[in-house]
Amino acid sequence: MSTIFGAFIATLVTVPFLGLFLFYIITVKWNKNPSRSLKIAVDGSTILFIASVQVMIAEIWNVSIFWLTILFFLLLTALITFLYWKKYEDVYLLKVVRQVWRLHFLIFVAFYLIFMLYGMVTTVEAVVANQNYWS
C-alpha cells in the first residue's frame, strides 16, 4: 500500500498539472463552486509545483536550493506585507500569506515550464550530438 501511495505522490510531483486537475475535480464535486474550487486547487497544488521545481533543479544541476526557496518565500512575504501595510495600514496576515502563496504558484509554474523546456531541449541536443545516447 505504501508503494502505491509513494508512486502516486511521485507522479503528482513529476506532473504537477495532474495534481492541479485532480484537486480541482475533487473540490468542484465537494463545494459545487468552480471559481472557489480553482482557488483551492491552486492553493493545494502549489506545493507540488515547488517540489517539482526542486527535483528538476536537483536533476539538471545536481544542487539543492531548498533553503533558497524558503528564503525567497520569507523575503517575498516580508515585501508583500510591507506593501500591504503601506497601502491599507492594517495587515491581515492570513490574507498576505494567501497572496504570497498564490504568487508562488505563478512563479513556480513559470519555473516548471522553463525547466521542462530546458530539459527537453538539452535531451534532444544530446541525442542529436550522440546517436548512441540510450544504448
N, C-alpha and C. Protein backbone atom coordinates (compact mmCIF):
# COMPACT_ATOMS: atom_id res chain seq x y z
N MET A 1 0.82 -1.20 0.00
CA MET A 1 0.00 0.00 0.00
C MET A 1 0.86 1.26 0.00
N SER A 2 1.95 1.24 0.79
CA SER A 2 2.82 2.40 0.84
C SER A 2 3.55 2.61 -0.49
N THR A 3 3.81 1.51 -1.22
CA THR A 3 4.45 1.64 -2.53
C THR A 3 3.51 2.33 -3.52
N ILE A 4 2.24 1.99 -3.47
CA ILE A 4 1.26 2.62 -4.36
C ILE A 4 1.12 4.10 -4.00
N PHE A 5 1.06 4.41 -2.72
CA PHE A 5 0.96 5.80 -2.28
C PHE A 5 2.20 6.59 -2.69
N GLY A 6 3.37 5.99 -2.52
CA GLY A 6 4.62 6.64 -2.92
C GLY A 6 4.67 6.90 -4.42
N ALA A 7 4.21 5.92 -5.20
CA ALA A 7 4.18 6.09 -6.65
C ALA A 7 3.20 7.19 -7.05
N PHE A 8 2.08 7.27 -6.35
CA PHE A 8 1.09 8.31 -6.63
C PHE A 8 1.66 9.70 -6.33
N ILE A 9 2.31 9.85 -5.19
CA ILE A 9 2.92 11.14 -4.83
C ILE A 9 4.03 11.49 -5.81
N ALA A 10 4.85 10.50 -6.20
CA ALA A 10 5.92 10.75 -7.16
C ALA A 10 5.35 11.19 -8.51
N THR A 11 4.24 10.62 -8.91
CA THR A 11 3.59 11.03 -10.16
C THR A 11 3.09 12.47 -10.05
N LEU A 12 2.49 12.82 -8.93
CA LEU A 12 1.99 14.18 -8.76
C LEU A 12 3.12 15.20 -8.74
N VAL A 13 4.27 14.84 -8.17
CA VAL A 13 5.41 15.75 -8.16
C VAL A 13 6.02 15.85 -9.55
N THR A 14 6.03 14.75 -10.29
CA THR A 14 6.59 14.75 -11.63
C THR A 14 5.69 15.51 -12.60
N VAL A 15 4.40 15.35 -12.46
CA VAL A 15 3.42 16.01 -13.34
C VAL A 15 2.44 16.80 -12.46
N PRO A 16 2.86 17.98 -11.98
CA PRO A 16 2.01 18.72 -11.03
C PRO A 16 0.71 19.24 -11.65
N PHE A 17 0.66 19.37 -12.98
CA PHE A 17 -0.61 19.78 -13.60
C PHE A 17 -1.68 18.72 -13.40
N LEU A 18 -1.28 17.45 -13.30
CA LEU A 18 -2.22 16.38 -12.98
C LEU A 18 -2.77 16.57 -11.57
N GLY A 19 -1.90 16.96 -10.64
CA GLY A 19 -2.34 17.25 -9.27
C GLY A 19 -3.30 18.42 -9.23
N LEU A 20 -3.00 19.47 -10.00
CA LEU A 20 -3.89 20.63 -10.08
C LEU A 20 -5.26 20.21 -10.59
N PHE A 21 -5.27 19.39 -11.63
CA PHE A 21 -6.53 18.92 -12.20
C PHE A 21 -7.30 18.06 -11.20
N LEU A 22 -6.61 17.16 -10.51
CA LEU A 22 -7.28 16.30 -9.52
C LEU A 22 -7.83 17.11 -8.35
N PHE A 23 -7.03 18.07 -7.85
CA PHE A 23 -7.52 18.95 -6.79
C PHE A 23 -8.78 19.69 -7.25
N TYR A 24 -8.76 20.17 -8.48
CA TYR A 24 -9.90 20.92 -9.00
C TYR A 24 -11.15 20.03 -9.11
N ILE A 25 -10.99 18.85 -9.67
CA ILE A 25 -12.14 17.94 -9.83
C ILE A 25 -12.73 17.57 -8.47
N ILE A 26 -11.86 17.27 -7.52
CA ILE A 26 -12.34 16.89 -6.18
C ILE A 26 -13.06 18.05 -5.51
N THR A 27 -12.51 19.25 -5.60
CA THR A 27 -13.14 20.38 -4.92
C THR A 27 -14.41 20.85 -5.62
N VAL A 28 -14.51 20.69 -6.93
CA VAL A 28 -15.77 21.02 -7.63
C VAL A 28 -16.87 20.07 -7.17
N LYS A 29 -16.54 18.79 -7.05
CA LYS A 29 -17.53 17.82 -6.56
C LYS A 29 -17.92 18.11 -5.12
N TRP A 30 -16.98 18.65 -4.35
CA TRP A 30 -17.19 18.87 -2.94
C TRP A 30 -18.01 20.13 -2.67
N ASN A 31 -17.67 21.28 -3.31
CA ASN A 31 -18.37 22.51 -2.95
C ASN A 31 -19.21 23.13 -4.06
N LYS A 32 -19.20 22.55 -5.25
CA LYS A 32 -20.08 22.96 -6.37
C LYS A 32 -19.86 24.39 -6.86
N ASN A 33 -18.75 25.02 -6.50
CA ASN A 33 -18.46 26.38 -6.93
C ASN A 33 -17.13 26.36 -7.71
N PRO A 34 -17.20 26.47 -9.06
CA PRO A 34 -15.98 26.33 -9.87
C PRO A 34 -14.89 27.36 -9.58
N SER A 35 -15.25 28.62 -9.34
CA SER A 35 -14.22 29.63 -9.10
C SER A 35 -13.55 29.41 -7.74
N ARG A 36 -14.31 29.07 -6.75
CA ARG A 36 -13.74 28.76 -5.43
C ARG A 36 -12.90 27.49 -5.50
N SER A 37 -13.36 26.53 -6.28
CA SER A 37 -12.62 25.28 -6.44
C SER A 37 -11.27 25.51 -7.11
N LEU A 38 -11.23 26.42 -8.07
CA LEU A 38 -9.95 26.72 -8.72
C LEU A 38 -8.97 27.33 -7.73
N LYS A 39 -9.44 28.22 -6.88
CA LYS A 39 -8.57 28.82 -5.87
C LYS A 39 -8.04 27.77 -4.90
N ILE A 40 -8.91 26.87 -4.48
CA ILE A 40 -8.49 25.79 -3.58
C ILE A 40 -7.50 24.87 -4.28
N ALA A 41 -7.76 24.56 -5.54
CA ALA A 41 -6.85 23.70 -6.30
C ALA A 41 -5.48 24.34 -6.48
N VAL A 42 -5.46 25.64 -6.76
CA VAL A 42 -4.19 26.37 -6.89
C VAL A 42 -3.44 26.34 -5.55
N ASP A 43 -4.15 26.61 -4.46
CA ASP A 43 -3.51 26.58 -3.15
C ASP A 43 -2.96 25.20 -2.83
N GLY A 44 -3.71 24.17 -3.17
CA GLY A 44 -3.27 22.80 -2.87
C GLY A 44 -2.15 22.30 -3.75
N SER A 45 -2.11 22.73 -4.99
CA SER A 45 -1.08 22.20 -5.90
C SER A 45 0.19 23.04 -5.92
N THR A 46 0.22 24.16 -5.24
CA THR A 46 1.43 24.98 -5.20
C THR A 46 2.61 24.17 -4.65
N ILE A 47 2.36 23.39 -3.62
CA ILE A 47 3.44 22.59 -3.03
C ILE A 47 3.95 21.56 -4.05
N LEU A 48 3.08 21.08 -4.93
CA LEU A 48 3.53 20.13 -5.95
C LEU A 48 4.46 20.80 -6.95
N PHE A 49 4.13 22.03 -7.34
CA PHE A 49 4.99 22.76 -8.27
C PHE A 49 6.33 23.11 -7.62
N ILE A 50 6.30 23.49 -6.34
CA ILE A 50 7.54 23.79 -5.63
C ILE A 50 8.43 22.54 -5.57
N ALA A 51 7.84 21.42 -5.19
CA ALA A 51 8.60 20.16 -5.11
C ALA A 51 9.11 19.75 -6.48
N SER A 52 8.30 19.93 -7.50
CA SER A 52 8.72 19.56 -8.85
C SER A 52 9.90 20.39 -9.33
N VAL A 53 9.86 21.68 -9.08
CA VAL A 53 10.99 22.54 -9.47
C VAL A 53 12.23 22.16 -8.68
N GLN A 54 12.07 21.85 -7.40
CA GLN A 54 13.22 21.41 -6.59
C GLN A 54 13.86 20.16 -7.19
N VAL A 55 13.04 19.19 -7.57
CA VAL A 55 13.55 17.95 -8.14
C VAL A 55 14.20 18.21 -9.49
N MET A 56 13.59 19.06 -10.32
CA MET A 56 14.17 19.37 -11.63
C MET A 56 15.55 20.01 -11.49
N ILE A 57 15.67 20.97 -10.59
CA ILE A 57 16.96 21.63 -10.39
C ILE A 57 17.99 20.63 -9.86
N ALA A 58 17.58 19.76 -8.96
CA ALA A 58 18.50 18.74 -8.45
C ALA A 58 18.94 17.79 -9.55
N GLU A 59 18.04 17.46 -10.46
CA GLU A 59 18.39 16.56 -11.57
C GLU A 59 19.26 17.24 -12.62
N ILE A 60 18.95 18.49 -12.94
CA ILE A 60 19.67 19.18 -14.01
C ILE A 60 21.07 19.60 -13.55
N TRP A 61 21.16 20.25 -12.39
CA TRP A 61 22.43 20.83 -11.95
C TRP A 61 23.03 20.13 -10.74
N ASN A 62 22.36 19.13 -10.19
CA ASN A 62 22.86 18.36 -9.05
C ASN A 62 23.13 19.24 -7.82
N VAL A 63 22.22 20.19 -7.57
CA VAL A 63 22.30 21.03 -6.38
C VAL A 63 20.91 21.10 -5.73
N SER A 64 20.91 21.36 -4.44
CA SER A 64 19.65 21.55 -3.73
C SER A 64 19.49 23.04 -3.40
N ILE A 65 18.34 23.59 -3.75
CA ILE A 65 18.09 25.00 -3.45
C ILE A 65 16.92 25.16 -2.49
N PHE A 66 16.71 24.14 -1.65
CA PHE A 66 15.58 24.19 -0.73
C PHE A 66 15.67 25.41 0.18
N TRP A 67 16.84 25.68 0.72
CA TRP A 67 16.99 26.83 1.62
C TRP A 67 16.77 28.14 0.88
N LEU A 68 17.15 28.21 -0.40
CA LEU A 68 16.88 29.42 -1.18
C LEU A 68 15.38 29.61 -1.41
N THR A 69 14.67 28.51 -1.57
CA THR A 69 13.21 28.59 -1.73
C THR A 69 12.57 29.13 -0.47
N ILE A 70 13.00 28.65 0.68
CA ILE A 70 12.48 29.14 1.95
C ILE A 70 12.81 30.62 2.13
N LEU A 71 14.05 30.99 1.82
CA LEU A 71 14.47 32.39 1.93
C LEU A 71 13.66 33.27 0.98
N PHE A 72 13.45 32.81 -0.25
CA PHE A 72 12.66 33.54 -1.23
C PHE A 72 11.24 33.73 -0.74
N PHE A 73 10.65 32.69 -0.16
CA PHE A 73 9.30 32.78 0.38
C PHE A 73 9.23 33.81 1.50
N LEU A 74 10.19 33.78 2.41
CA LEU A 74 10.18 34.73 3.53
C LEU A 74 10.40 36.16 3.07
N LEU A 75 11.33 36.37 2.14
CA LEU A 75 11.58 37.71 1.63
C LEU A 75 10.37 38.25 0.86
N LEU A 76 9.76 37.40 0.06
CA LEU A 76 8.57 37.83 -0.68
C LEU A 76 7.42 38.12 0.28
N THR A 77 7.29 37.33 1.33
CA THR A 77 6.26 37.60 2.34
C THR A 77 6.51 38.93 3.03
N ALA A 78 7.76 39.21 3.37
CA ALA A 78 8.09 40.49 4.00
C ALA A 78 7.79 41.66 3.07
N LEU A 79 8.15 41.52 1.81
CA LEU A 79 7.90 42.58 0.84
C LEU A 79 6.41 42.82 0.64
N ILE A 80 5.64 41.76 0.46
CA ILE A 80 4.20 41.90 0.26
C ILE A 80 3.54 42.46 1.53
N THR A 81 4.01 42.04 2.70
CA THR A 81 3.47 42.57 3.96
C THR A 81 3.74 44.06 4.06
N PHE A 82 4.96 44.49 3.72
CA PHE A 82 5.30 45.90 3.77
C PHE A 82 4.43 46.70 2.80
N LEU A 83 4.28 46.21 1.56
CA LEU A 83 3.45 46.92 0.58
C LEU A 83 1.99 46.96 1.01
N TYR A 84 1.52 45.86 1.57
CA TYR A 84 0.15 45.80 2.07
C TYR A 84 -0.06 46.79 3.21
N TRP A 85 0.92 46.88 4.11
CA TRP A 85 0.86 47.80 5.23
C TRP A 85 0.87 49.25 4.75
N LYS A 86 1.70 49.56 3.75
CA LYS A 86 1.75 50.92 3.22
C LYS A 86 0.43 51.31 2.57
N LYS A 87 -0.23 50.35 1.93
CA LYS A 87 -1.47 50.66 1.23
C LYS A 87 -2.68 50.69 2.16
N TYR A 88 -2.80 49.72 3.05
CA TYR A 88 -4.01 49.59 3.87
C TYR A 88 -3.81 49.92 5.35
N GLU A 89 -2.60 49.99 5.84
CA GLU A 89 -2.24 50.26 7.22
C GLU A 89 -2.55 49.12 8.18
N ASP A 90 -3.59 48.36 7.95
CA ASP A 90 -3.87 47.18 8.76
C ASP A 90 -3.42 45.95 7.98
N VAL A 91 -2.67 45.10 8.63
CA VAL A 91 -2.14 43.90 7.97
C VAL A 91 -2.91 42.70 8.48
N TYR A 92 -3.52 41.97 7.56
CA TYR A 92 -4.18 40.71 7.87
C TYR A 92 -3.27 39.61 7.36
N LEU A 93 -2.59 38.97 8.29
CA LEU A 93 -1.52 38.04 7.95
C LEU A 93 -2.02 36.89 7.07
N LEU A 94 -3.20 36.37 7.36
CA LEU A 94 -3.73 35.27 6.55
C LEU A 94 -3.92 35.70 5.10
N LYS A 95 -4.41 36.90 4.89
CA LYS A 95 -4.61 37.43 3.55
C LYS A 95 -3.28 37.61 2.82
N VAL A 96 -2.28 38.11 3.54
CA VAL A 96 -0.96 38.33 2.95
C VAL A 96 -0.31 36.99 2.57
N VAL A 97 -0.38 36.02 3.48
CA VAL A 97 0.21 34.71 3.20
C VAL A 97 -0.50 34.04 2.03
N ARG A 98 -1.81 34.19 1.95
CA ARG A 98 -2.54 33.62 0.82
C ARG A 98 -2.11 34.26 -0.49
N GLN A 99 -1.91 35.58 -0.51
CA GLN A 99 -1.45 36.27 -1.72
C GLN A 99 -0.04 35.82 -2.10
N VAL A 100 0.82 35.70 -1.12
CA VAL A 100 2.19 35.24 -1.40
C VAL A 100 2.18 33.81 -1.92
N TRP A 101 1.33 32.97 -1.32
CA TRP A 101 1.24 31.57 -1.74
C TRP A 101 0.77 31.48 -3.19
N ARG A 102 -0.21 32.28 -3.56
CA ARG A 102 -0.70 32.26 -4.95
C ARG A 102 0.31 32.87 -5.91
N LEU A 103 1.06 33.86 -5.44
CA LEU A 103 2.14 34.41 -6.26
C LEU A 103 3.22 33.35 -6.48
N HIS A 104 3.50 32.57 -5.45
CA HIS A 104 4.45 31.47 -5.60
C HIS A 104 3.93 30.45 -6.61
N PHE A 105 2.64 30.22 -6.63
CA PHE A 105 2.08 29.32 -7.64
C PHE A 105 2.45 29.81 -9.03
N LEU A 106 2.22 31.07 -9.30
CA LEU A 106 2.53 31.61 -10.63
C LEU A 106 4.03 31.52 -10.94
N ILE A 107 4.84 31.87 -9.96
CA ILE A 107 6.30 31.83 -10.17
C ILE A 107 6.78 30.41 -10.43
N PHE A 108 6.32 29.45 -9.64
CA PHE A 108 6.81 28.09 -9.79
C PHE A 108 6.21 27.38 -11.00
N VAL A 109 5.02 27.76 -11.43
CA VAL A 109 4.50 27.23 -12.70
C VAL A 109 5.40 27.71 -13.84
N ALA A 110 5.78 28.98 -13.80
CA ALA A 110 6.68 29.51 -14.83
C ALA A 110 8.02 28.78 -14.79
N PHE A 111 8.60 28.59 -13.60
CA PHE A 111 9.86 27.85 -13.48
C PHE A 111 9.70 26.42 -13.98
N TYR A 112 8.59 25.78 -13.64
CA TYR A 112 8.35 24.41 -14.08
C TYR A 112 8.36 24.33 -15.61
N LEU A 113 7.64 25.24 -16.25
CA LEU A 113 7.58 25.22 -17.71
C LEU A 113 8.95 25.53 -18.33
N ILE A 114 9.68 26.47 -17.75
CA ILE A 114 11.01 26.81 -18.26
C ILE A 114 11.96 25.62 -18.13
N PHE A 115 11.99 24.99 -16.96
CA PHE A 115 12.89 23.86 -16.75
C PHE A 115 12.47 22.64 -17.56
N MET A 116 11.18 22.46 -17.76
CA MET A 116 10.71 21.36 -18.59
C MET A 116 11.19 21.55 -20.03
N LEU A 117 11.05 22.77 -20.53
CA LEU A 117 11.52 23.08 -21.88
C LEU A 117 13.04 22.93 -21.96
N TYR A 118 13.75 23.41 -20.95
CA TYR A 118 15.21 23.28 -20.92
C TYR A 118 15.62 21.81 -20.94
N GLY A 119 14.96 20.99 -20.14
CA GLY A 119 15.27 19.56 -20.11
C GLY A 119 15.01 18.88 -21.44
N MET A 120 13.92 19.25 -22.08
CA MET A 120 13.62 18.65 -23.39
C MET A 120 14.65 19.07 -24.43
N VAL A 121 15.01 20.35 -24.45
CA VAL A 121 15.97 20.84 -25.43
C VAL A 121 17.34 20.19 -25.21
N THR A 122 17.80 20.12 -23.98
CA THR A 122 19.11 19.52 -23.73
C THR A 122 19.13 18.03 -24.04
N THR A 123 18.01 17.34 -23.80
CA THR A 123 17.94 15.92 -24.14
C THR A 123 17.97 15.72 -25.64
N VAL A 124 17.23 16.53 -26.38
CA VAL A 124 17.23 16.42 -27.83
C VAL A 124 18.62 16.75 -28.38
N GLU A 125 19.27 17.78 -27.82
CA GLU A 125 20.63 18.11 -28.25
C GLU A 125 21.59 16.96 -27.99
N ALA A 126 21.45 16.30 -26.84
CA ALA A 126 22.32 15.17 -26.52
C ALA A 126 22.08 14.01 -27.46
N VAL A 127 20.83 13.76 -27.81
CA VAL A 127 20.50 12.68 -28.73
C VAL A 127 21.05 12.98 -30.12
N VAL A 128 20.90 14.22 -30.56
CA VAL A 128 21.40 14.58 -31.88
C VAL A 128 22.93 14.52 -31.91
N ALA A 129 23.57 15.00 -30.85
CA ALA A 129 25.04 15.00 -30.80
C ALA A 129 25.61 13.59 -30.68
N ASN A 130 24.91 12.73 -29.98
CA ASN A 130 25.38 11.37 -29.75
C ASN A 130 24.26 10.41 -30.09
N GLN A 131 24.32 9.80 -31.23
CA GLN A 131 23.23 8.91 -31.67
C GLN A 131 23.09 7.69 -30.78
N ASN A 132 24.09 7.38 -29.97
CA ASN A 132 24.04 6.22 -29.06
C ASN A 132 23.69 6.66 -27.64
N TYR A 133 22.84 7.64 -27.49
CA TYR A 133 22.51 8.23 -26.19
C TYR A 133 21.91 7.20 -25.24
N TRP A 134 20.96 6.41 -25.70
CA TRP A 134 20.29 5.45 -24.82
C TRP A 134 20.82 4.03 -24.95
N SER A 135 21.75 3.81 -25.80
CA SER A 135 22.24 2.43 -25.94
C SER A 135 23.55 2.22 -25.24
